[in-house]
Amino acid sequence: MPNKMSAEKRVRVSEKRRVLNKAYKTSMKNKIKAVLAAIAQKKSAEEIMELFKKAQSAIDKAARNGAIHKNQASRRKSRLAAKVKAYLGAEKQGV
């Protein structure tokens, strides 16, 4: 247990931030999984693009609030975009 007032405050603030960061990360991961599930289920291009936009937004929000690093956000968006593009390209060719 902390002995100083400032240390007690740090414990309170750290716990509050930990909970918020976990919420941002969970939301982001769930939206990414929704896109990947839609691709696996061969949903329509419009539906996948809508889910992809929501996932990008969630990734940006997590990075903006400091839950993840900006480079991690960029990497996640890039990899997800590549999967969406590959699926849409294959769908356009009629595979």
N, C-alpha and C. Protein backbone atom coordinates (compact mmCIF):
# COMPACT_ATOMS: atom_id res chain seq x y z
N MET A 1 0.85 -1.20 0.00
CA MET A 1 0.00 0.00 0.00
C MET A 1 0.88 1.24 0.00
N PRO A 2 0.55 2.23 -0.83
CA PRO A 2 1.38 3.44 -0.91
C PRO A 2 1.32 4.26 0.39
N ASN A 3 2.43 4.90 0.69
CA ASN A 3 2.51 5.71 1.91
C ASN A 3 2.25 7.19 1.65
N LYS A 4 2.43 7.63 0.43
CA LYS A 4 2.29 9.05 0.12
C LYS A 4 0.99 9.30 -0.64
N MET A 5 0.51 10.53 -0.53
CA MET A 5 -0.74 10.90 -1.20
C MET A 5 -0.58 10.79 -2.73
N SER A 6 0.56 11.24 -3.25
CA SER A 6 0.77 11.20 -4.69
C SER A 6 0.83 9.76 -5.19
N ALA A 7 1.39 8.87 -4.40
CA ALA A 7 1.47 7.46 -4.78
C ALA A 7 0.08 6.83 -4.78
N GLU A 8 -0.75 7.23 -3.82
CA GLU A 8 -2.13 6.73 -3.77
C GLU A 8 -2.90 7.18 -5.00
N LYS A 9 -2.69 8.43 -5.40
CA LYS A 9 -3.37 8.95 -6.58
C LYS A 9 -2.90 8.20 -7.83
N ARG A 10 -1.61 7.93 -7.93
CA ARG A 10 -1.09 7.19 -9.09
C ARG A 10 -1.75 5.82 -9.19
N VAL A 11 -1.97 5.17 -8.06
CA VAL A 11 -2.62 3.86 -8.06
C VAL A 11 -4.04 3.99 -8.60
N ARG A 12 -4.77 5.02 -8.14
CA ARG A 12 -6.14 5.24 -8.61
C ARG A 12 -6.17 5.54 -10.11
N VAL A 13 -5.31 6.44 -10.54
CA VAL A 13 -5.28 6.84 -11.95
C VAL A 13 -4.87 5.67 -12.83
N SER A 14 -3.86 4.93 -12.39
CA SER A 14 -3.38 3.79 -13.18
C SER A 14 -4.48 2.75 -13.37
N GLU A 15 -5.23 2.49 -12.34
CA GLU A 15 -6.32 1.50 -12.44
C GLU A 15 -7.41 1.99 -13.39
N LYS A 16 -7.74 3.27 -13.31
CA LYS A 16 -8.75 3.85 -14.19
C LYS A 16 -8.31 3.75 -15.65
N ARG A 17 -7.04 4.09 -15.91
CA ARG A 17 -6.50 4.03 -17.27
C ARG A 17 -6.44 2.59 -17.78
N ARG A 18 -6.07 1.65 -16.88
CA ARG A 18 -5.98 0.25 -17.27
C ARG A 18 -7.34 -0.27 -17.75
N VAL A 19 -8.39 0.09 -17.05
CA VAL A 19 -9.74 -0.35 -17.41
C VAL A 19 -10.16 0.26 -18.75
N LEU A 20 -9.89 1.55 -18.93
CA LEU A 20 -10.24 2.21 -20.19
C LEU A 20 -9.45 1.63 -21.36
N ASN A 21 -8.15 1.41 -21.16
CA ASN A 21 -7.32 0.84 -22.22
C ASN A 21 -7.81 -0.54 -22.61
N LYS A 22 -8.19 -1.33 -21.62
CA LYS A 22 -8.70 -2.68 -21.90
C LYS A 22 -9.98 -2.60 -22.73
N ALA A 23 -10.84 -1.64 -22.42
CA ALA A 23 -12.09 -1.48 -23.17
C ALA A 23 -11.80 -1.11 -24.63
N TYR A 24 -10.87 -0.17 -24.85
CA TYR A 24 -10.51 0.22 -26.21
C TYR A 24 -9.94 -0.96 -27.00
N LYS A 25 -9.05 -1.72 -26.34
CA LYS A 25 -8.42 -2.86 -27.02
C LYS A 25 -9.44 -3.95 -27.34
N THR A 26 -10.34 -4.23 -26.40
CA THR A 26 -11.35 -5.27 -26.62
C THR A 26 -12.28 -4.88 -27.76
N SER A 27 -12.72 -3.64 -27.77
CA SER A 27 -13.59 -3.17 -28.84
C SER A 27 -12.90 -3.29 -30.20
N MET A 28 -11.64 -2.88 -30.24
CA MET A 28 -10.87 -2.94 -31.47
C MET A 28 -10.75 -4.39 -31.96
N LYS A 29 -10.38 -5.28 -31.07
CA LYS A 29 -10.20 -6.68 -31.45
C LYS A 29 -11.50 -7.31 -31.92
N ASN A 30 -12.61 -6.99 -31.27
CA ASN A 30 -13.90 -7.54 -31.67
C ASN A 30 -14.30 -7.07 -33.06
N LYS A 31 -14.02 -5.81 -33.38
CA LYS A 31 -14.36 -5.29 -34.70
C LYS A 31 -13.47 -5.91 -35.78
N ILE A 32 -12.21 -6.15 -35.46
CA ILE A 32 -11.32 -6.82 -36.41
C ILE A 32 -11.81 -8.25 -36.66
N LYS A 33 -12.18 -8.93 -35.59
CA LYS A 33 -12.68 -10.31 -35.73
C LYS A 33 -13.96 -10.35 -36.56
N ALA A 34 -14.79 -9.32 -36.44
CA ALA A 34 -16.03 -9.27 -37.23
C ALA A 34 -15.72 -9.18 -38.72
N VAL A 35 -14.70 -8.41 -39.08
CA VAL A 35 -14.31 -8.30 -40.49
C VAL A 35 -13.80 -9.64 -40.98
N LEU A 36 -12.93 -10.28 -40.20
CA LEU A 36 -12.35 -11.56 -40.62
C LEU A 36 -13.43 -12.64 -40.70
N ALA A 37 -14.40 -12.60 -39.80
CA ALA A 37 -15.50 -13.57 -39.84
C ALA A 37 -16.36 -13.34 -41.08
N ALA A 38 -16.60 -12.10 -41.43
CA ALA A 38 -17.40 -11.79 -42.62
C ALA A 38 -16.69 -12.28 -43.88
N ILE A 39 -15.36 -12.14 -43.91
CA ILE A 39 -14.59 -12.64 -45.05
C ILE A 39 -14.69 -14.16 -45.11
N ALA A 40 -14.57 -14.81 -43.96
CA ALA A 40 -14.64 -16.28 -43.91
C ALA A 40 -16.01 -16.78 -44.35
N GLN A 41 -17.06 -16.01 -44.04
CA GLN A 41 -18.42 -16.40 -44.41
C GLN A 41 -18.82 -15.93 -45.80
N LYS A 42 -17.86 -15.29 -46.50
CA LYS A 42 -18.07 -14.81 -47.86
C LYS A 42 -19.29 -13.88 -47.97
N LYS A 43 -19.31 -12.88 -47.10
CA LYS A 43 -20.39 -11.88 -47.13
C LYS A 43 -20.18 -10.93 -48.31
N SER A 44 -21.14 -10.05 -48.52
CA SER A 44 -21.07 -9.12 -49.65
C SER A 44 -19.97 -8.07 -49.44
N ALA A 45 -19.53 -7.49 -50.54
CA ALA A 45 -18.46 -6.49 -50.49
C ALA A 45 -18.89 -5.27 -49.69
N GLU A 46 -20.15 -4.86 -49.84
CA GLU A 46 -20.63 -3.66 -49.12
C GLU A 46 -20.59 -3.89 -47.62
N GLU A 47 -21.02 -5.06 -47.20
CA GLU A 47 -21.05 -5.37 -45.76
C GLU A 47 -19.62 -5.43 -45.20
N ILE A 48 -18.71 -6.03 -45.95
CA ILE A 48 -17.33 -6.13 -45.49
C ILE A 48 -16.70 -4.74 -45.42
N MET A 49 -16.96 -3.90 -46.40
CA MET A 49 -16.39 -2.56 -46.37
C MET A 49 -16.93 -1.74 -45.19
N GLU A 50 -18.20 -1.93 -44.86
CA GLU A 50 -18.79 -1.23 -43.71
C GLU A 50 -18.11 -1.68 -42.41
N LEU A 51 -17.94 -2.99 -42.26
CA LEU A 51 -17.27 -3.53 -41.08
C LEU A 51 -15.81 -3.07 -41.03
N PHE A 52 -15.17 -3.01 -42.19
CA PHE A 52 -13.77 -2.59 -42.27
C PHE A 52 -13.62 -1.13 -41.81
N LYS A 53 -14.54 -0.27 -42.23
CA LYS A 53 -14.49 1.13 -41.80
C LYS A 53 -14.63 1.25 -40.28
N LYS A 54 -15.54 0.46 -39.71
CA LYS A 54 -15.72 0.49 -38.26
C LYS A 54 -14.48 -0.02 -37.54
N ALA A 55 -13.85 -1.04 -38.09
CA ALA A 55 -12.64 -1.59 -37.49
C ALA A 55 -11.50 -0.56 -37.55
N GLN A 56 -11.36 0.12 -38.69
CA GLN A 56 -10.33 1.15 -38.82
C GLN A 56 -10.55 2.26 -37.79
N SER A 57 -11.78 2.64 -37.62
CA SER A 57 -12.11 3.69 -36.67
C SER A 57 -11.75 3.26 -35.25
N ALA A 58 -12.05 2.02 -34.91
CA ALA A 58 -11.75 1.52 -33.56
C ALA A 58 -10.24 1.45 -33.34
N ILE A 59 -9.49 1.05 -34.37
CA ILE A 59 -8.03 0.99 -34.26
C ILE A 59 -7.47 2.39 -34.06
N ASP A 60 -7.96 3.35 -34.83
CA ASP A 60 -7.50 4.74 -34.69
C ASP A 60 -7.82 5.30 -33.31
N LYS A 61 -8.99 4.97 -32.81
CA LYS A 61 -9.41 5.47 -31.49
C LYS A 61 -8.51 4.90 -30.39
N ALA A 62 -8.17 3.62 -30.50
CA ALA A 62 -7.30 3.00 -29.50
C ALA A 62 -5.92 3.66 -29.52
N ALA A 63 -5.43 3.97 -30.71
CA ALA A 63 -4.11 4.61 -30.82
C ALA A 63 -4.17 6.04 -30.32
N ARG A 64 -5.23 6.76 -30.67
CA ARG A 64 -5.37 8.15 -30.27
C ARG A 64 -5.41 8.29 -28.75
N ASN A 65 -6.02 7.32 -28.08
CA ASN A 65 -6.15 7.38 -26.63
C ASN A 65 -4.99 6.72 -25.90
N GLY A 66 -4.02 6.20 -26.66
CA GLY A 66 -2.83 5.65 -26.03
C GLY A 66 -2.94 4.21 -25.59
N ALA A 67 -4.00 3.52 -25.96
CA ALA A 67 -4.14 2.12 -25.56
C ALA A 67 -3.17 1.24 -26.34
N ILE A 68 -2.88 1.63 -27.59
CA ILE A 68 -1.87 0.93 -28.39
C ILE A 68 -0.97 1.98 -29.03
N HIS A 69 0.20 1.56 -29.46
CA HIS A 69 1.15 2.47 -30.11
C HIS A 69 0.69 2.78 -31.53
N LYS A 70 1.03 3.95 -32.02
CA LYS A 70 0.59 4.36 -33.36
C LYS A 70 1.12 3.43 -34.45
N ASN A 71 2.32 2.88 -34.26
CA ASN A 71 2.87 1.95 -35.25
C ASN A 71 2.10 0.63 -35.24
N GLN A 72 1.66 0.21 -34.07
CA GLN A 72 0.85 -1.01 -33.99
C GLN A 72 -0.49 -0.78 -34.69
N ALA A 73 -1.06 0.40 -34.52
CA ALA A 73 -2.32 0.72 -35.18
C ALA A 73 -2.15 0.68 -36.69
N SER A 74 -1.07 1.27 -37.16
CA SER A 74 -0.79 1.29 -38.59
C SER A 74 -0.61 -0.13 -39.13
N ARG A 75 0.11 -0.95 -38.39
CA ARG A 75 0.35 -2.34 -38.82
C ARG A 75 -0.95 -3.13 -38.87
N ARG A 76 -1.78 -2.98 -37.86
CA ARG A 76 -3.06 -3.71 -37.82
C ARG A 76 -3.96 -3.29 -38.98
N LYS A 77 -4.04 -1.99 -39.25
CA LYS A 77 -4.87 -1.50 -40.35
C LYS A 77 -4.35 -2.00 -41.69
N SER A 78 -3.04 -1.99 -41.85
CA SER A 78 -2.43 -2.41 -43.10
C SER A 78 -2.70 -3.89 -43.37
N ARG A 79 -2.52 -4.72 -42.36
CA ARG A 79 -2.74 -6.16 -42.54
C ARG A 79 -4.21 -6.47 -42.80
N LEU A 80 -5.08 -5.77 -42.10
CA LEU A 80 -6.51 -5.98 -42.31
C LEU A 80 -6.93 -5.53 -43.71
N ALA A 81 -6.39 -4.39 -44.14
CA ALA A 81 -6.70 -3.88 -45.48
C ALA A 81 -6.23 -4.85 -46.56
N ALA A 82 -5.08 -5.46 -46.35
CA ALA A 82 -4.56 -6.42 -47.33
C ALA A 82 -5.48 -7.63 -47.44
N LYS A 83 -6.01 -8.09 -46.31
CA LYS A 83 -6.92 -9.24 -46.34
C LYS A 83 -8.24 -8.88 -47.03
N VAL A 84 -8.73 -7.68 -46.75
CA VAL A 84 -9.98 -7.23 -47.38
C VAL A 84 -9.77 -7.08 -48.88
N LYS A 85 -8.66 -6.48 -49.27
CA LYS A 85 -8.36 -6.28 -50.70
C LYS A 85 -8.23 -7.62 -51.42
N ALA A 86 -7.56 -8.57 -50.79
CA ALA A 86 -7.39 -9.89 -51.41
C ALA A 86 -8.75 -10.56 -51.60
N TYR A 87 -9.62 -10.45 -50.59
CA TYR A 87 -10.94 -11.06 -50.69
C TYR A 87 -11.77 -10.40 -51.80
N LEU A 88 -11.77 -9.08 -51.82
CA LEU A 88 -12.57 -8.35 -52.80
C LEU A 88 -12.04 -8.60 -54.23
N GLY A 89 -10.73 -8.71 -54.36
CA GLY A 89 -10.16 -9.02 -55.66
C GLY A 89 -10.55 -10.40 -56.14
N ALA A 90 -10.52 -11.36 -55.22
CA ALA A 90 -10.92 -12.73 -55.58
C ALA A 90 -12.41 -12.80 -55.90
N GLU A 91 -13.21 -12.01 -55.15
CA GLU A 91 -14.65 -12.00 -55.38
C GLU A 91 -14.97 -11.39 -56.74
N LYS A 92 -14.21 -10.35 -57.11
CA LYS A 92 -14.44 -9.67 -58.39
C LYS A 92 -14.11 -10.59 -59.57
N GLN A 93 -13.11 -11.46 -59.39
CA GLN A 93 -12.73 -12.39 -60.44
C GLN A 93 -13.67 -13.59 -60.53
N GLY A 94 -14.53 -13.72 -59.51
CA GLY A 94 -15.51 -14.80 -59.52
C GLY A 94 -15.00 -16.12 -59.01
N VAL A 95 -14.00 -16.08 -58.15
CA VAL A 95 -13.42 -17.32 -57.60
C VAL A 95 -14.26 -17.85 -56.49
